[in-house]
Amino acid sequence: MEFYKPEWINSDDAAKWLGVDPTTLFKWRSSHGLAWTHINGRTVMYDKKQLNEILNKNSTYSVLGEKKLTA
């Protein structure tokens, strides 16, 4: 049996990667149930695999092939 080990990404990097404002990630935590954790009580980290799944599920491709989140 293989256990999933999350790869964590900080909120600023996650927001840049998804093309959204960090405040949007905060809103999505409650509305979409994003997996997140605090590191040292301050830094918010998100599960990169889950973000990737959301990106792939809720995105369209621009002319340049860059993903843009539509959710």
C-alpha atoms as a PDB file:
ATOM      1  CA  MET A   1       0.000   0.000   0.000  1.00  0.00           C
ATOM      2  CA  GLU A   2       1.405   3.360  -1.028  1.00  0.00           C
ATOM      3  CA  PHE A   3       0.665   6.482   0.992  1.00  0.00           C
ATOM      4  CA  TYR A   4       0.306   9.911  -0.560  1.00  0.00           C
ATOM      5  CA  LYS A   5       2.891  12.407   0.631  1.00  0.00           C
ATOM      6  CA  PRO A   6       1.883  15.979  -0.249  1.00  0.00           C
ATOM      7  CA  GLU A   7       4.303  18.393  -1.873  1.00  0.00           C
ATOM      8  CA  TRP A   8       3.652  21.780  -0.302  1.00  0.00           C
ATOM      9  CA  ILE A   9       3.898  25.147  -2.081  1.00  0.00           C
ATOM     10  CA  ASN A  10       3.589  28.546  -0.384  1.00  0.00           C
ATOM     11  CA  SER A  11       0.620  30.795  -1.072  1.00  0.00           C
ATOM     12  CA  ASP A  12       2.540  33.390  -3.124  1.00  0.00           C
ATOM     13  CA  ASP A  13       4.001  30.743  -5.433  1.00  0.00           C
ATOM     14  CA  ALA A  14       0.647  28.951  -5.679  1.00  0.00           C
ATOM     15  CA  ALA A  15      -1.130  32.187  -6.599  1.00  0.00           C
ATOM     16  CA  LYS A  16       1.443  32.988  -9.304  1.00  0.00           C
ATOM     17  CA  TRP A  17       1.255  29.431 -10.659  1.00  0.00           C
ATOM     18  CA  LEU A  18      -2.547  29.546 -10.834  1.00  0.00           C
ATOM     19  CA  GLY A  19      -2.641  33.132 -12.073  1.00  0.00           C
ATOM     20  CA  VAL A  20      -4.815  34.375  -9.210  1.00  0.00           C
ATOM     21  CA  ASP A  21      -4.447  36.760  -6.283  1.00  0.00           C
ATOM     22  CA  PRO A  22      -3.390  35.214  -2.927  1.00  0.00           C
ATOM     23  CA  THR A  23      -6.695  36.478  -1.521  1.00  0.00           C
ATOM     24  CA  THR A  24      -8.503  34.235  -4.001  1.00  0.00           C
ATOM     25  CA  LEU A  25      -6.671  31.201  -2.613  1.00  0.00           C
ATOM     26  CA  PHE A  26      -7.840  32.197   0.850  1.00  0.00           C
ATOM     27  CA  LYS A  27     -11.448  32.276  -0.387  1.00  0.00           C
ATOM     28  CA  TRP A  28     -11.049  28.924  -2.151  1.00  0.00           C
ATOM     29  CA  ARG A  29      -9.885  27.257   1.063  1.00  0.00           C
ATOM     30  CA  SER A  30     -13.411  27.367   2.413  1.00  0.00           C
ATOM     31  CA  SER A  31     -15.416  27.229  -0.817  1.00  0.00           C
ATOM     32  CA  HIS A  32     -13.439  24.459  -2.585  1.00  0.00           C
ATOM     33  CA  GLY A  33     -11.898  22.672   0.381  1.00  0.00           C
ATOM     34  CA  LEU A  34      -8.274  23.264  -0.610  1.00  0.00           C
ATOM     35  CA  ALA A  35      -5.782  21.305   1.453  1.00  0.00           C
ATOM     36  CA  TRP A  36      -3.531  23.728   3.328  1.00  0.00           C
ATOM     37  CA  THR A  37      -1.382  23.957   6.430  1.00  0.00           C
ATOM     38  CA  HIS A  38       0.517  26.512   8.485  1.00  0.00           C
ATOM     39  CA  ILE A  39       4.284  26.259   8.758  1.00  0.00           C
ATOM     40  CA  ASN A  40       5.704  27.877  11.901  1.00  0.00           C
ATOM     41  CA  GLY A  41       2.253  29.299  12.597  1.00  0.00           C
ATOM     42  CA  ARG A  42       2.567  31.900   9.838  1.00  0.00           C
ATOM     43  CA  THR A  43       3.310  30.607   6.339  1.00  0.00           C
ATOM     44  CA  VAL A  44       0.307  29.078   4.569  1.00  0.00           C
ATOM     45  CA  MET A  45       1.184  26.153   2.313  1.00  0.00           C
ATOM     46  CA  TYR A  46      -1.008  24.367  -0.245  1.00  0.00           C
ATOM     47  CA  ASP A  47      -0.894  20.824  -1.605  1.00  0.00           C
ATOM     48  CA  LYS A  48       0.646  21.192  -5.077  1.00  0.00           C
ATOM     49  CA  LYS A  49      -0.958  17.983  -6.402  1.00  0.00           C
ATOM     50  CA  GLN A  50      -4.433  19.202  -5.451  1.00  0.00           C
ATOM     51  CA  LEU A  51      -3.779  22.606  -7.021  1.00  0.00           C
ATOM     52  CA  ASN A  52      -2.607  20.880 -10.193  1.00  0.00           C
ATOM     53  CA  GLU A  53      -5.811  18.814 -10.303  1.00  0.00           C
ATOM     54  CA  ILE A  54      -7.910  21.962  -9.881  1.00  0.00           C
ATOM     55  CA  LEU A  55      -5.872  23.721 -12.575  1.00  0.00           C
ATOM     56  CA  ASN A  56      -6.326  20.848 -15.036  1.00  0.00           C
ATOM     57  CA  LYS A  57     -10.027  20.468 -14.286  1.00  0.00           C
ATOM     58  CA  ASN A  58     -10.978  24.164 -14.394  1.00  0.00           C
ATOM     59  CA  SER A  59      -8.768  25.708 -17.041  1.00  0.00           C
ATOM     60  CA  THR A  60      -8.697  26.681 -20.672  1.00  0.00           C
ATOM     61  CA  TYR A  61      -5.688  27.171 -22.888  1.00  0.00           C
ATOM     62  CA  SER A  62      -4.758  30.553 -24.293  1.00  0.00           C
ATOM     63  CA  VAL A  63      -3.213  31.012 -27.728  1.00  0.00           C
ATOM     64  CA  LEU A  64       0.254  30.699 -26.204  1.00  0.00           C
ATOM     65  CA  GLY A  65      -0.666  27.442 -24.459  1.00  0.00           C
ATOM     66  CA  GLU A  66      -0.562  28.905 -20.971  1.00  0.00           C
ATOM     67  CA  LYS A  67      -3.272  27.698 -18.619  1.00  0.00           C
ATOM     68  CA  LYS A  68      -5.730  30.231 -17.284  1.00  0.00           C
ATOM     69  CA  LEU A  69      -7.949  29.249 -14.393  1.00  0.00           C
ATOM     70  CA  THR A  70     -11.633  29.706 -15.116  1.00  0.00           C
ATOM     71  CA  ALA A  71     -13.126  28.562 -11.805  1.00  0.00           C
END
